[in-house]
């Protein structure tokens, strides 16, 4: 418990915690419906898909990469799983398993293209985003697919006590993700590759395999998020994941996951995702227009990236001064 409190109160978390309280204070003042238990449970249910996919995206970003295709992966999983259940009569359990395998393989393909094909992650995953979006529209013909078994709804709409099932799943995945990144060799390798890929390679780490693993994990968790989203909306739609990657990346960068790789953790990422969720919810409650919402969210992401860049440059400047100083030279 003390270690958790220490992490929460760590200096790197203070800005995001302050921002979190400022957002809560502002929207509580603007809307009487904001600071209620029902609304907060609704917010956490809404961000559960962002949080689940975010755990996969952390792995990719820690290695210095990025996966813009997660939005289309979510859409693709929606359509594939819905199509198998409704059109082919496949039971939900098997349909979910098959789509998870497919999503994982898509993530692996992204990793192979980046690591072995030496394609830029931004360009490679952007191409994959359009490919998956096109396939989703071809399969669905642009028409929503619905008519699932009643039991399937419980995954995205059910409760355990007062807690929505998607929130419980997100919490479990976040705990597993935190342990994986901090206590396992692959997790530590993600940090090492993102911090200095060449040094990692020279120390014996297979950097290409590490990158493939990161994208594979990202594909798997995007698949999990897509299935929960399908259950919650109860309809497979070819436009489901539009803009999803923006919220995921914004939340992670706000939470201290560096866009350049090598730094960040699950706790900060969760705080950043909560900020994004509360911001989205608050803007809707005060009847902010959709275009203004896009403007504000864009500015928030730009600010987060700017802060990340400033911190990196500041650390680099301090290190350079230390090296040039007589004491640093002697050491």
C-alpha atoms as a PDB file:
ATOM      1  CA  UNK A   1       0.000   0.000   0.000  1.00  0.00           C
ATOM      2  CA  UNK A   2       2.829   2.374   0.863  1.00  0.00           C
ATOM      3  CA  UNK A   3       4.516   1.712  -2.486  1.00  0.00           C
ATOM      4  CA  UNK A   4       1.276   2.552  -4.327  1.00  0.00           C
ATOM      5  CA  UNK A   5       0.899   5.806  -2.397  1.00  0.00           C
ATOM      6  CA  UNK A   6       4.525   6.623  -3.123  1.00  0.00           C
ATOM      7  CA  UNK A   7       3.927   6.173  -6.834  1.00  0.00           C
ATOM      8  CA  UNK A   8       0.761   8.267  -6.765  1.00  0.00           C
ATOM      9  CA  UNK A   9       2.495  11.115  -4.956  1.00  0.00           C
ATOM     10  CA  UNK A  10       5.618  10.891  -7.115  1.00  0.00           C
ATOM     11  CA  UNK A  11       6.442  14.217  -8.716  1.00  0.00           C
ATOM     12  CA  UNK A  12       5.768  12.935 -12.240  1.00  0.00           C
ATOM     13  CA  UNK A  13       2.160  12.148 -11.266  1.00  0.00           C
ATOM     14  CA  UNK A  14       1.387  15.443  -9.523  1.00  0.00           C
ATOM     15  CA  UNK A  15       0.567  17.445 -12.714  1.00  0.00           C
ATOM     16  CA  UNK A  16      -1.930  14.860 -13.998  1.00  0.00           C
ATOM     17  CA  UNK A  17      -3.533  14.561 -10.545  1.00  0.00           C
ATOM     18  CA  UNK A  18      -3.895  18.357 -10.359  1.00  0.00           C
ATOM     19  CA  UNK A  19      -5.409  18.384 -13.863  1.00  0.00           C
ATOM     20  CA  UNK A  20      -7.801  15.613 -12.828  1.00  0.00           C
ATOM     21  CA  UNK A  21      -9.073  17.597  -9.843  1.00  0.00           C
ATOM     22  CA  UNK A  22      -9.354  20.795 -11.899  1.00  0.00           C
ATOM     23  CA  UNK A  23     -11.509  19.009 -14.481  1.00  0.00           C
ATOM     24  CA  UNK A  24     -13.726  17.534 -11.754  1.00  0.00           C
ATOM     25  CA  UNK A  25     -14.080  20.943 -10.082  1.00  0.00           C
ATOM     26  CA  UNK A  26     -14.865  22.772 -13.342  1.00  0.00           C
ATOM     27  CA  UNK A  27     -17.492  20.360 -14.664  1.00  0.00           C
ATOM     28  CA  UNK A  28     -19.046  19.950 -11.198  1.00  0.00           C
ATOM     29  CA  UNK A  29     -19.534  23.723 -11.213  1.00  0.00           C
ATOM     30  CA  UNK A  30     -20.916  23.725 -14.766  1.00  0.00           C
ATOM     31  CA  UNK A  31     -23.213  20.704 -14.493  1.00  0.00           C
ATOM     32  CA  UNK A  32     -25.100  19.393 -11.415  1.00  0.00           C
ATOM     33  CA  UNK A  33     -25.213  15.913 -12.997  1.00  0.00           C
ATOM     34  CA  UNK A  34     -21.443  15.555 -13.285  1.00  0.00           C
ATOM     35  CA  UNK A  35     -20.439  14.803  -9.689  1.00  0.00           C
ATOM     36  CA  UNK A  36     -22.769  11.845  -9.136  1.00  0.00           C
ATOM     37  CA  UNK A  37     -22.096   8.157  -8.544  1.00  0.00           C
ATOM     38  CA  UNK A  38     -24.184   7.146 -11.549  1.00  0.00           C
ATOM     39  CA  UNK A  39     -22.273   9.483 -13.873  1.00  0.00           C
ATOM     40  CA  UNK A  40     -18.862   8.368 -12.598  1.00  0.00           C
ATOM     41  CA  UNK A  41     -19.791   4.698 -13.071  1.00  0.00           C
ATOM     42  CA  UNK A  42     -20.925   5.595 -16.578  1.00  0.00           C
ATOM     43  CA  UNK A  43     -17.615   7.355 -17.272  1.00  0.00           C
ATOM     44  CA  UNK A  44     -15.593   4.373 -16.089  1.00  0.00           C
ATOM     45  CA  UNK A  45     -17.687   2.030 -18.199  1.00  0.00           C
ATOM     46  CA  UNK A  46     -17.081   4.276 -21.216  1.00  0.00           C
ATOM     47  CA  UNK A  47     -13.326   4.418 -20.677  1.00  0.00           C
ATOM     48  CA  UNK A  48     -12.978   0.696 -19.993  1.00  0.00           C
ATOM     49  CA  UNK A  49     -12.390  -0.021 -23.697  1.00  0.00           C
ATOM     50  CA  UNK A  50      -9.832   2.810 -23.875  1.00  0.00           C
ATOM     51  CA  UNK A  51      -8.067   1.458 -20.797  1.00  0.00           C
ATOM     52  CA  UNK A  52      -7.937  -2.119 -22.084  1.00  0.00           C
ATOM     53  CA  UNK A  53      -6.604  -1.120 -25.513  1.00  0.00           C
ATOM     54  CA  UNK A  54      -4.297   1.357 -23.774  1.00  0.00           C
ATOM     55  CA  UNK A  55      -2.449  -1.447 -21.985  1.00  0.00           C
ATOM     56  CA  UNK A  56      -1.507  -2.871 -25.367  1.00  0.00           C
ATOM     57  CA  UNK A  57      -0.604   0.544 -26.743  1.00  0.00           C
ATOM     58  CA  UNK A  58       1.733   1.185 -23.780  1.00  0.00           C
ATOM     59  CA  UNK A  59       3.813  -1.818 -24.841  1.00  0.00           C
ATOM     60  CA  UNK A  60       4.152  -0.429 -28.361  1.00  0.00           C
ATOM     61  CA  UNK A  61       4.899   3.145 -27.276  1.00  0.00           C
ATOM     62  CA  UNK A  62       7.512   2.013 -24.763  1.00  0.00           C
ATOM     63  CA  UNK A  63       9.486   0.495 -27.652  1.00  0.00           C
ATOM     64  CA  UNK A  64       9.352   3.828 -29.488  1.00  0.00           C
ATOM     65  CA  UNK A  65       6.568   2.782 -31.862  1.00  0.00           C
ATOM     66  CA  UNK A  66       2.906   3.625 -32.307  1.00  0.00           C
ATOM     67  CA  UNK A  67      -0.133   1.737 -33.596  1.00  0.00           C
ATOM     68  CA  UNK A  68      -2.700   3.930 -35.346  1.00  0.00           C
ATOM     69  CA  UNK A  69      -4.603   0.860 -36.528  1.00  0.00           C
ATOM     70  CA  UNK A  70      -6.153   0.015 -33.136  1.00  0.00           C
ATOM     71  CA  UNK A  71      -9.318   1.927 -34.045  1.00  0.00           C
ATOM     72  CA  UNK A  72      -9.800  -0.202 -37.158  1.00  0.00           C
ATOM     73  CA  UNK A  73      -8.808  -3.329 -35.219  1.00  0.00           C
ATOM     74  CA  UNK A  74     -11.685  -2.623 -32.829  1.00  0.00           C
ATOM     75  CA  UNK A  75     -14.041  -2.062 -35.773  1.00  0.00           C
ATOM     76  CA  UNK A  76     -12.813  -5.207 -37.539  1.00  0.00           C
ATOM     77  CA  UNK A  77     -13.309  -7.310 -34.403  1.00  0.00           C
ATOM     78  CA  UNK A  78     -16.823  -5.846 -34.031  1.00  0.00           C
ATOM     79  CA  UNK A  79     -17.796  -6.803 -37.555  1.00  0.00           C
ATOM     80  CA  UNK A  80     -16.086 -10.216 -37.605  1.00  0.00           C
ATOM     81  CA  UNK A  81     -17.484 -11.347 -34.260  1.00  0.00           C
ATOM     82  CA  UNK A  82     -20.978 -10.041 -35.092  1.00  0.00           C
ATOM     83  CA  UNK A  83     -20.911 -11.660 -38.539  1.00  0.00           C
ATOM     84  CA  UNK A  84     -19.882 -15.052 -37.169  1.00  0.00           C
ATOM     85  CA  UNK A  85     -22.574 -15.034 -34.481  1.00  0.00           C
ATOM     86  CA  UNK A  86     -25.438 -13.735 -36.640  1.00  0.00           C
ATOM     87  CA  UNK A  87     -24.662 -14.911 -40.175  1.00  0.00           C
ATOM     88  CA  UNK A  88     -22.829 -18.172 -39.419  1.00  0.00           C
ATOM     89  CA  UNK A  89     -24.568 -19.147 -36.191  1.00  0.00           C
ATOM     90  CA  UNK A  90     -21.289 -19.639 -34.310  1.00  0.00           C
ATOM     91  CA  UNK A  91     -21.732 -19.616 -30.487  1.00  0.00           C
ATOM     92  CA  UNK A  92     -20.482 -16.385 -28.816  1.00  0.00           C
ATOM     93  CA  UNK A  93     -17.615 -18.098 -26.952  1.00  0.00           C
ATOM     94  CA  UNK A  94     -16.129 -19.551 -30.142  1.00  0.00           C
ATOM     95  CA  UNK A  95     -16.773 -16.369 -32.134  1.00  0.00           C
ATOM     96  CA  UNK A  96     -14.968 -14.302 -29.495  1.00  0.00           C
ATOM     97  CA  UNK A  97     -12.034 -16.725 -29.374  1.00  0.00           C
ATOM     98  CA  UNK A  98     -11.630 -16.729 -33.168  1.00  0.00           C
ATOM     99  CA  UNK A  99     -11.767 -12.942 -33.408  1.00  0.00           C
ATOM    100  CA  UNK A 100      -9.229 -12.601 -30.583  1.00  0.00           C
ATOM    101  CA  UNK A 101      -6.857 -14.893 -32.476  1.00  0.00           C
ATOM    102  CA  UNK A 102      -7.368 -12.833 -35.645  1.00  0.00           C
ATOM    103  CA  UNK A 103      -6.790  -9.542 -33.790  1.00  0.00           C
ATOM    104  CA  UNK A 104      -3.603 -10.948 -32.241  1.00  0.00           C
ATOM    105  CA  UNK A 105      -2.354 -12.044 -35.664  1.00  0.00           C
ATOM    106  CA  UNK A 106      -3.095  -8.572 -37.075  1.00  0.00           C
ATOM    107  CA  UNK A 107      -1.001  -7.080 -34.267  1.00  0.00           C
ATOM    108  CA  UNK A 108       1.771  -9.578 -35.003  1.00  0.00           C
ATOM    109  CA  UNK A 109       1.685  -8.600 -38.686  1.00  0.00           C
ATOM    110  CA  UNK A 110       2.064  -4.943 -37.697  1.00  0.00           C
ATOM    111  CA  UNK A 111       5.096  -5.882 -35.617  1.00  0.00           C
ATOM    112  CA  UNK A 112       6.676  -7.911 -38.427  1.00  0.00           C
ATOM    113  CA  UNK A 113       6.222  -5.040 -40.900  1.00  0.00           C
ATOM    114  CA  UNK A 114       7.837  -2.594 -38.460  1.00  0.00           C
ATOM    115  CA  UNK A 115      10.623  -4.819 -37.071  1.00  0.00           C
ATOM    116  CA  UNK A 116      11.584  -6.949 -40.040  1.00  0.00           C
ATOM    117  CA  UNK A 117      10.151  -4.898 -42.904  1.00  0.00           C
ATOM    118  CA  UNK A 118      11.716  -1.785 -41.365  1.00  0.00           C
ATOM    119  CA  UNK A 119       8.637   0.306 -42.174  1.00  0.00           C
ATOM    120  CA  UNK A 120       7.921   3.453 -40.187  1.00  0.00           C
ATOM    121  CA  UNK A 121       5.350   2.561 -37.489  1.00  0.00           C
ATOM    122  CA  UNK A 122       3.276   5.654 -38.276  1.00  0.00           C
ATOM    123  CA  UNK A 123       2.979   4.832 -41.985  1.00  0.00           C
ATOM    124  CA  UNK A 124       2.700   1.058 -41.608  1.00  0.00           C
ATOM    125  CA  UNK A 125      -0.108   1.132 -39.050  1.00  0.00           C
ATOM    126  CA  UNK A 126      -1.895   3.940 -40.894  1.00  0.00           C
ATOM    127  CA  UNK A 127      -1.986   1.690 -43.977  1.00  0.00           C
ATOM    128  CA  UNK A 128      -3.252  -1.196 -41.823  1.00  0.00           C
ATOM    129  CA  UNK A 129      -5.927   1.113 -40.418  1.00  0.00           C
ATOM    130  CA  UNK A 130      -7.322   1.758 -43.897  1.00  0.00           C
ATOM    131  CA  UNK A 131      -7.048  -1.901 -44.921  1.00  0.00           C
ATOM    132  CA  UNK A 132      -9.016  -3.107 -41.904  1.00  0.00           C
ATOM    133  CA  UNK A 133     -11.557  -0.314 -42.304  1.00  0.00           C
ATOM    134  CA  UNK A 134     -12.087  -1.324 -45.933  1.00  0.00           C
ATOM    135  CA  UNK A 135     -12.450  -5.026 -45.053  1.00  0.00           C
ATOM    136  CA  UNK A 136     -14.973  -4.151 -42.320  1.00  0.00           C
ATOM    137  CA  UNK A 137     -17.129  -2.233 -44.790  1.00  0.00           C
ATOM    138  CA  UNK A 138     -16.864  -5.035 -47.376  1.00  0.00           C
ATOM    139  CA  UNK A 139     -17.961  -7.705 -44.882  1.00  0.00           C
ATOM    140  CA  UNK A 140     -20.821  -5.651 -43.412  1.00  0.00           C
ATOM    141  CA  UNK A 141     -21.710  -3.850 -46.661  1.00  0.00           C
ATOM    142  CA  UNK A 142     -21.906  -0.730 -44.513  1.00  0.00           C
ATOM    143  CA  UNK A 143     -24.943  -2.071 -42.616  1.00  0.00           C
ATOM    144  CA  UNK A 144     -24.967  -2.675 -38.824  1.00  0.00           C
ATOM    145  CA  UNK A 145     -25.123  -6.335 -37.778  1.00  0.00           C
ATOM    146  CA  UNK A 146     -27.317  -7.172 -34.787  1.00  0.00           C
ATOM    147  CA  UNK A 147     -29.381  -9.990 -33.282  1.00  0.00           C
ATOM    148  CA  UNK A 148     -26.945 -11.531 -30.769  1.00  0.00           C
ATOM    149  CA  UNK A 149     -27.811 -14.042 -28.026  1.00  0.00           C
ATOM    150  CA  UNK A 150     -29.109 -12.356 -24.869  1.00  0.00           C
ATOM    151  CA  UNK A 151     -26.272 -13.823 -22.756  1.00  0.00           C
ATOM    152  CA  UNK A 152     -23.686 -11.985 -24.872  1.00  0.00           C
ATOM    153  CA  UNK A 153     -24.995  -8.616 -23.646  1.00  0.00           C
ATOM    154  CA  UNK A 154     -23.884  -9.316 -20.085  1.00  0.00           C
ATOM    155  CA  UNK A 155     -20.205  -8.914 -20.970  1.00  0.00           C
ATOM    156  CA  UNK A 156     -20.612  -5.245 -21.892  1.00  0.00           C
ATOM    157  CA  UNK A 157     -23.811  -4.317 -20.069  1.00  0.00           C
ATOM    158  CA  UNK A 158     -23.808  -6.485 -16.947  1.00  0.00           C
ATOM    159  CA  UNK A 159     -22.899  -5.649 -13.351  1.00  0.00           C
ATOM    160  CA  UNK A 160     -21.252  -7.362 -10.400  1.00  0.00           C
ATOM    161  CA  UNK A 161     -22.898  -5.556  -7.511  1.00  0.00           C
ATOM    162  CA  UNK A 162     -22.748  -1.868  -8.449  1.00  0.00           C
ATOM    163  CA  UNK A 163     -19.663  -2.269 -10.651  1.00  0.00           C
ATOM    164  CA  UNK A 164     -20.027  -2.665 -14.430  1.00  0.00           C
ATOM    165  CA  UNK A 165     -18.344  -5.820 -15.758  1.00  0.00           C
ATOM    166  CA  UNK A 166     -16.237  -3.884 -18.330  1.00  0.00           C
ATOM    167  CA  UNK A 167     -14.756  -1.793 -15.494  1.00  0.00           C
ATOM    168  CA  UNK A 168     -13.840  -4.935 -13.543  1.00  0.00           C
ATOM    169  CA  UNK A 169     -12.195  -6.419 -16.642  1.00  0.00           C
ATOM    170  CA  UNK A 170     -10.257  -3.187 -17.214  1.00  0.00           C
ATOM    171  CA  UNK A 171      -9.049  -3.134 -13.605  1.00  0.00           C
ATOM    172  CA  UNK A 172      -7.829  -6.750 -13.800  1.00  0.00           C
ATOM    173  CA  UNK A 173      -6.058  -6.134 -17.111  1.00  0.00           C
ATOM    174  CA  UNK A 174      -4.394  -2.986 -15.741  1.00  0.00           C
ATOM    175  CA  UNK A 175      -3.054  -4.918 -12.737  1.00  0.00           C
ATOM    176  CA  UNK A 176      -1.794  -7.715 -15.003  1.00  0.00           C
ATOM    177  CA  UNK A 177      -0.262  -5.128 -17.363  1.00  0.00           C
ATOM    178  CA  UNK A 178       1.524  -3.340 -14.520  1.00  0.00           C
ATOM    179  CA  UNK A 179       2.989  -6.589 -13.182  1.00  0.00           C
ATOM    180  CA  UNK A 180       3.986  -7.696 -16.696  1.00  0.00           C
ATOM    181  CA  UNK A 181       5.809  -4.452 -17.488  1.00  0.00           C
ATOM    182  CA  UNK A 182       7.602  -4.098 -14.164  1.00  0.00           C
ATOM    183  CA  UNK A 183       8.243  -7.721 -13.129  1.00  0.00           C
ATOM    184  CA  UNK A 184       8.832  -9.658 -16.351  1.00  0.00           C
ATOM    185  CA  UNK A 185      11.819  -9.713 -18.700  1.00  0.00           C
ATOM    186  CA  UNK A 186       9.740  -8.892 -21.823  1.00  0.00           C
ATOM    187  CA  UNK A 187       8.265  -5.874 -20.045  1.00  0.00           C
ATOM    188  CA  UNK A 188      11.712  -4.607 -19.089  1.00  0.00           C
ATOM    189  CA  UNK A 189      12.902  -5.209 -22.634  1.00  0.00           C
ATOM    190  CA  UNK A 190      10.174  -2.848 -23.911  1.00  0.00           C
ATOM    191  CA  UNK A 191      11.678  -0.069 -21.781  1.00  0.00           C
ATOM    192  CA  UNK A 192      15.217  -0.961 -22.833  1.00  0.00           C
ATOM    193  CA  UNK A 193      14.455  -0.968 -26.581  1.00  0.00           C
ATOM    194  CA  UNK A 194      12.581   2.327 -26.364  1.00  0.00           C
ATOM    195  CA  UNK A 195      15.303   3.925 -24.247  1.00  0.00           C
ATOM    196  CA  UNK A 196      18.198   2.915 -26.490  1.00  0.00           C
ATOM    197  CA  UNK A 197      17.588   0.331 -29.196  1.00  0.00           C
ATOM    198  CA  UNK A 198      21.212   0.018 -30.301  1.00  0.00           C
ATOM    199  CA  UNK A 199      22.504  -0.435 -26.755  1.00  0.00           C
ATOM    200  CA  UNK A 200      19.806  -3.062 -26.161  1.00  0.00           C
ATOM    201  CA  UNK A 201      20.820  -4.937 -29.305  1.00  0.00           C
ATOM    202  CA  UNK A 202      24.490  -4.881 -28.303  1.00  0.00           C
ATOM    203  CA  UNK A 203      23.614  -6.191 -24.842  1.00  0.00           C
ATOM    204  CA  UNK A 204      22.048  -9.293 -26.385  1.00  0.00           C
ATOM    205  CA  UNK A 205      18.364  -8.372 -26.576  1.00  0.00           C
ATOM    206  CA  UNK A 206      16.627  -9.444 -29.782  1.00  0.00           C
ATOM    207  CA  UNK A 207      15.080  -6.049 -30.463  1.00  0.00           C
ATOM    208  CA  UNK A 208      13.091  -7.249 -33.480  1.00  0.00           C
ATOM    209  CA  UNK A 209      11.348  -9.975 -31.494  1.00  0.00           C
ATOM    210  CA  UNK A 210      10.633  -7.499 -28.700  1.00  0.00           C
ATOM    211  CA  UNK A 211       8.922  -5.141 -31.148  1.00  0.00           C
ATOM    212  CA  UNK A 212       6.873  -7.950 -32.686  1.00  0.00           C
ATOM    213  CA  UNK A 213       5.792  -9.020 -29.193  1.00  0.00           C
ATOM    214  CA  UNK A 214       4.755  -5.452 -28.322  1.00  0.00           C
ATOM    215  CA  UNK A 215       2.525  -5.121 -31.394  1.00  0.00           C
ATOM    216  CA  UNK A 216       1.136  -8.627 -30.859  1.00  0.00           C
ATOM    217  CA  UNK A 217       0.114  -7.759 -27.294  1.00  0.00           C
ATOM    218  CA  UNK A 218      -1.427  -4.534 -28.611  1.00  0.00           C
ATOM    219  CA  UNK A 219      -3.471  -6.491 -31.172  1.00  0.00           C
ATOM    220  CA  UNK A 220      -4.733  -8.888 -28.503  1.00  0.00           C
ATOM    221  CA  UNK A 221      -5.922  -6.160 -26.145  1.00  0.00           C
ATOM    222  CA  UNK A 222      -7.489  -4.219 -29.017  1.00  0.00           C
ATOM    223  CA  UNK A 223      -9.435  -7.398 -29.746  1.00  0.00           C
ATOM    224  CA  UNK A 224     -10.591  -7.657 -26.129  1.00  0.00           C
ATOM    225  CA  UNK A 225     -11.707  -3.999 -26.220  1.00  0.00           C
ATOM    226  CA  UNK A 226     -13.543  -4.611 -29.496  1.00  0.00           C
ATOM    227  CA  UNK A 227     -15.492  -7.581 -28.121  1.00  0.00           C
ATOM    228  CA  UNK A 228     -16.536  -5.695 -24.984  1.00  0.00           C
ATOM    229  CA  UNK A 229     -17.544  -2.721 -27.132  1.00  0.00           C
ATOM    230  CA  UNK A 230     -19.647  -5.003 -29.357  1.00  0.00           C
ATOM    231  CA  UNK A 231     -21.410  -6.443 -26.315  1.00  0.00           C
ATOM    232  CA  UNK A 232     -22.032  -3.006 -24.835  1.00  0.00           C
ATOM    233  CA  UNK A 233     -23.458  -1.457 -28.028  1.00  0.00           C
ATOM    234  CA  UNK A 234     -25.149  -4.757 -29.023  1.00  0.00           C
ATOM    235  CA  UNK A 235     -24.531  -4.012 -32.688  1.00  0.00           C
ATOM    236  CA  UNK A 236     -21.587  -4.537 -35.030  1.00  0.00           C
ATOM    237  CA  UNK A 237     -21.079  -1.259 -36.879  1.00  0.00           C
ATOM    238  CA  UNK A 238     -18.392  -0.399 -39.462  1.00  0.00           C
ATOM    239  CA  UNK A 239     -17.897   3.038 -37.864  1.00  0.00           C
ATOM    240  CA  UNK A 240     -17.501   1.838 -34.266  1.00  0.00           C
ATOM    241  CA  UNK A 241     -13.839   2.700 -33.688  1.00  0.00           C
ATOM    242  CA  UNK A 242     -13.692   6.077 -35.425  1.00  0.00           C
ATOM    243  CA  UNK A 243     -11.370   8.358 -33.426  1.00  0.00           C
ATOM    244  CA  UNK A 244     -10.672   5.628 -30.847  1.00  0.00           C
ATOM    245  CA  UNK A 245      -6.903   5.750 -31.319  1.00  0.00           C
ATOM    246  CA  UNK A 246      -6.929   9.483 -30.589  1.00  0.00           C
ATOM    247  CA  UNK A 247      -8.432   8.996 -27.112  1.00  0.00           C
ATOM    248  CA  UNK A 248      -6.048   6.116 -26.341  1.00  0.00           C
ATOM    249  CA  UNK A 249      -2.906   7.990 -27.372  1.00  0.00           C
ATOM    250  CA  UNK A 250      -4.069  11.224 -25.689  1.00  0.00           C
ATOM    251  CA  UNK A 251      -4.695   9.431 -22.403  1.00  0.00           C
ATOM    252  CA  UNK A 252      -1.339   7.656 -22.436  1.00  0.00           C
ATOM    253  CA  UNK A 253       0.692  10.755 -23.317  1.00  0.00           C
ATOM    254  CA  UNK A 254      -1.176  12.791 -20.691  1.00  0.00           C
ATOM    255  CA  UNK A 255      -0.301  10.046 -18.186  1.00  0.00           C
ATOM    256  CA  UNK A 256       3.420  10.305 -18.895  1.00  0.00           C
ATOM    257  CA  UNK A 257       3.967   7.582 -21.505  1.00  0.00           C
ATOM    258  CA  UNK A 258       6.558   9.148 -23.787  1.00  0.00           C
ATOM    259  CA  UNK A 259       5.746   9.360 -27.476  1.00  0.00           C
ATOM    260  CA  UNK A 260       9.454   8.688 -28.128  1.00  0.00           C
ATOM    261  CA  UNK A 261       9.539   5.507 -26.048  1.00  0.00           C
ATOM    262  CA  UNK A 262      11.417   4.287 -22.990  1.00  0.00           C
ATOM    263  CA  UNK A 263       9.333   5.836 -20.203  1.00  0.00           C
ATOM    264  CA  UNK A 264       5.851   5.611 -18.712  1.00  0.00           C
ATOM    265  CA  UNK A 265       3.835   3.247 -16.535  1.00  0.00           C
ATOM    266  CA  UNK A 266       0.346   1.822 -16.171  1.00  0.00           C
ATOM    267  CA  UNK A 267      -0.600   3.989 -13.176  1.00  0.00           C
ATOM    268  CA  UNK A 268       0.105   7.222 -15.050  1.00  0.00           C
ATOM    269  CA  UNK A 269      -1.625   5.876 -18.161  1.00  0.00           C
ATOM    270  CA  UNK A 270      -4.778   5.045 -16.174  1.00  0.00           C
ATOM    271  CA  UNK A 271      -4.825   8.544 -14.676  1.00  0.00           C
ATOM    272  CA  UNK A 272      -4.462  10.046 -18.153  1.00  0.00           C
ATOM    273  CA  UNK A 273      -7.266   7.884 -19.549  1.00  0.00           C
ATOM    274  CA  UNK A 274      -9.535   8.900 -16.652  1.00  0.00           C
ATOM    275  CA  UNK A 275      -8.812  12.552 -17.495  1.00  0.00           C
ATOM    276  CA  UNK A 276      -9.805  11.939 -21.132  1.00  0.00           C
ATOM    277  CA  UNK A 277     -12.962  10.105 -20.037  1.00  0.00           C
ATOM    278  CA  UNK A 278     -14.026  12.865 -17.659  1.00  0.00           C
ATOM    279  CA  UNK A 279     -13.228  15.514 -20.263  1.00  0.00           C
ATOM    280  CA  UNK A 280     -15.348  13.757 -22.907  1.00  0.00           C
ATOM    281  CA  UNK A 281     -18.191  13.252 -20.460  1.00  0.00           C
ATOM    282  CA  UNK A 282     -18.064  16.803 -19.095  1.00  0.00           C
ATOM    283  CA  UNK A 283     -18.067  18.416 -22.537  1.00  0.00           C
ATOM    284  CA  UNK A 284     -21.171  16.434 -23.450  1.00  0.00           C
ATOM    285  CA  UNK A 285     -22.957  17.335 -20.193  1.00  0.00           C
ATOM    286  CA  UNK A 286     -22.433  21.058 -20.772  1.00  0.00           C
ATOM    287  CA  UNK A 287     -23.722  20.645 -24.350  1.00  0.00           C
ATOM    288  CA  UNK A 288     -20.441  21.534 -26.010  1.00  0.00           C
ATOM    289  CA  UNK A 289     -20.692  21.180 -29.802  1.00  0.00           C
ATOM    290  CA  UNK A 290     -18.931  18.238 -31.436  1.00  0.00           C
ATOM    291  CA  UNK A 291     -16.546  20.430 -33.435  1.00  0.00           C
ATOM    292  CA  UNK A 292     -15.533  22.352 -30.306  1.00  0.00           C
ATOM    293  CA  UNK A 293     -14.950  19.019 -28.547  1.00  0.00           C
ATOM    294  CA  UNK A 294     -12.552  17.987 -31.315  1.00  0.00           C
ATOM    295  CA  UNK A 295     -10.782  21.343 -31.009  1.00  0.00           C
ATOM    296  CA  UNK A 296     -10.336  21.027 -27.241  1.00  0.00           C
ATOM    297  CA  UNK A 297      -9.201  17.384 -27.409  1.00  0.00           C
ATOM    298  CA  UNK A 298      -6.700  18.274 -30.129  1.00  0.00           C
ATOM    299  CA  UNK A 299      -5.283  21.065 -27.997  1.00  0.00           C
ATOM    300  CA  UNK A 300      -5.047  18.714 -25.003  1.00  0.00           C
ATOM    301  CA  UNK A 301      -3.045  16.168 -27.015  1.00  0.00           C
ATOM    302  CA  UNK A 302      -0.821  18.892 -28.443  1.00  0.00           C
ATOM    303  CA  UNK A 303      -0.165  20.185 -24.922  1.00  0.00           C
ATOM    304  CA  UNK A 304       0.642  16.671 -23.664  1.00  0.00           C
ATOM    305  CA  UNK A 305       3.099  16.042 -26.509  1.00  0.00           C
ATOM    306  CA  UNK A 306       4.657  19.461 -25.913  1.00  0.00           C
ATOM    307  CA  UNK A 307       5.170  18.683 -22.224  1.00  0.00           C
ATOM    308  CA  UNK A 308       6.702  15.293 -23.095  1.00  0.00           C
ATOM    309  CA  UNK A 309       9.090  16.971 -25.545  1.00  0.00           C
ATOM    310  CA  UNK A 310      10.026  19.633 -22.980  1.00  0.00           C
ATOM    311  CA  UNK A 311      10.777  17.002 -20.316  1.00  0.00           C
ATOM    312  CA  UNK A 312      12.985  15.048 -22.702  1.00  0.00           C
ATOM    313  CA  UNK A 313      14.896  18.146 -23.793  1.00  0.00           C
ATOM    314  CA  UNK A 314      15.242  19.294 -20.180  1.00  0.00           C
ATOM    315  CA  UNK A 315      16.656  15.928 -19.103  1.00  0.00           C
ATOM    316  CA  UNK A 316      19.029  15.973 -22.072  1.00  0.00           C
ATOM    317  CA  UNK A 317      20.244  19.461 -21.156  1.00  0.00           C
ATOM    318  CA  UNK A 318      20.846  18.456 -17.529  1.00  0.00           C
ATOM    319  CA  UNK A 319      22.770  15.366 -18.614  1.00  0.00           C
ATOM    320  CA  UNK A 320      24.906  17.407 -21.008  1.00  0.00           C
ATOM    321  CA  UNK A 321      25.718  19.935 -18.266  1.00  0.00           C
ATOM    322  CA  UNK A 322      26.633  17.100 -15.904  1.00  0.00           C
ATOM    323  CA  UNK A 323      28.984  15.547 -18.468  1.00  0.00           C
ATOM    324  CA  UNK A 324      30.668  18.881 -19.192  1.00  0.00           C
ATOM    325  CA  UNK A 325      31.045  19.826 -15.529  1.00  0.00           C
ATOM    326  CA  UNK A 326      34.375  19.018 -13.802  1.00  0.00           C
ATOM    327  CA  UNK A 327      32.624  16.782 -11.270  1.00  0.00           C
ATOM    328  CA  UNK A 328      30.815  14.907 -14.043  1.00  0.00           C
ATOM    329  CA  UNK A 329      34.042  14.533 -16.031  1.00  0.00           C
ATOM    330  CA  UNK A 330      35.861  13.140 -13.018  1.00  0.00           C
ATOM    331  CA  UNK A 331      33.139  10.549 -12.409  1.00  0.00           C
END
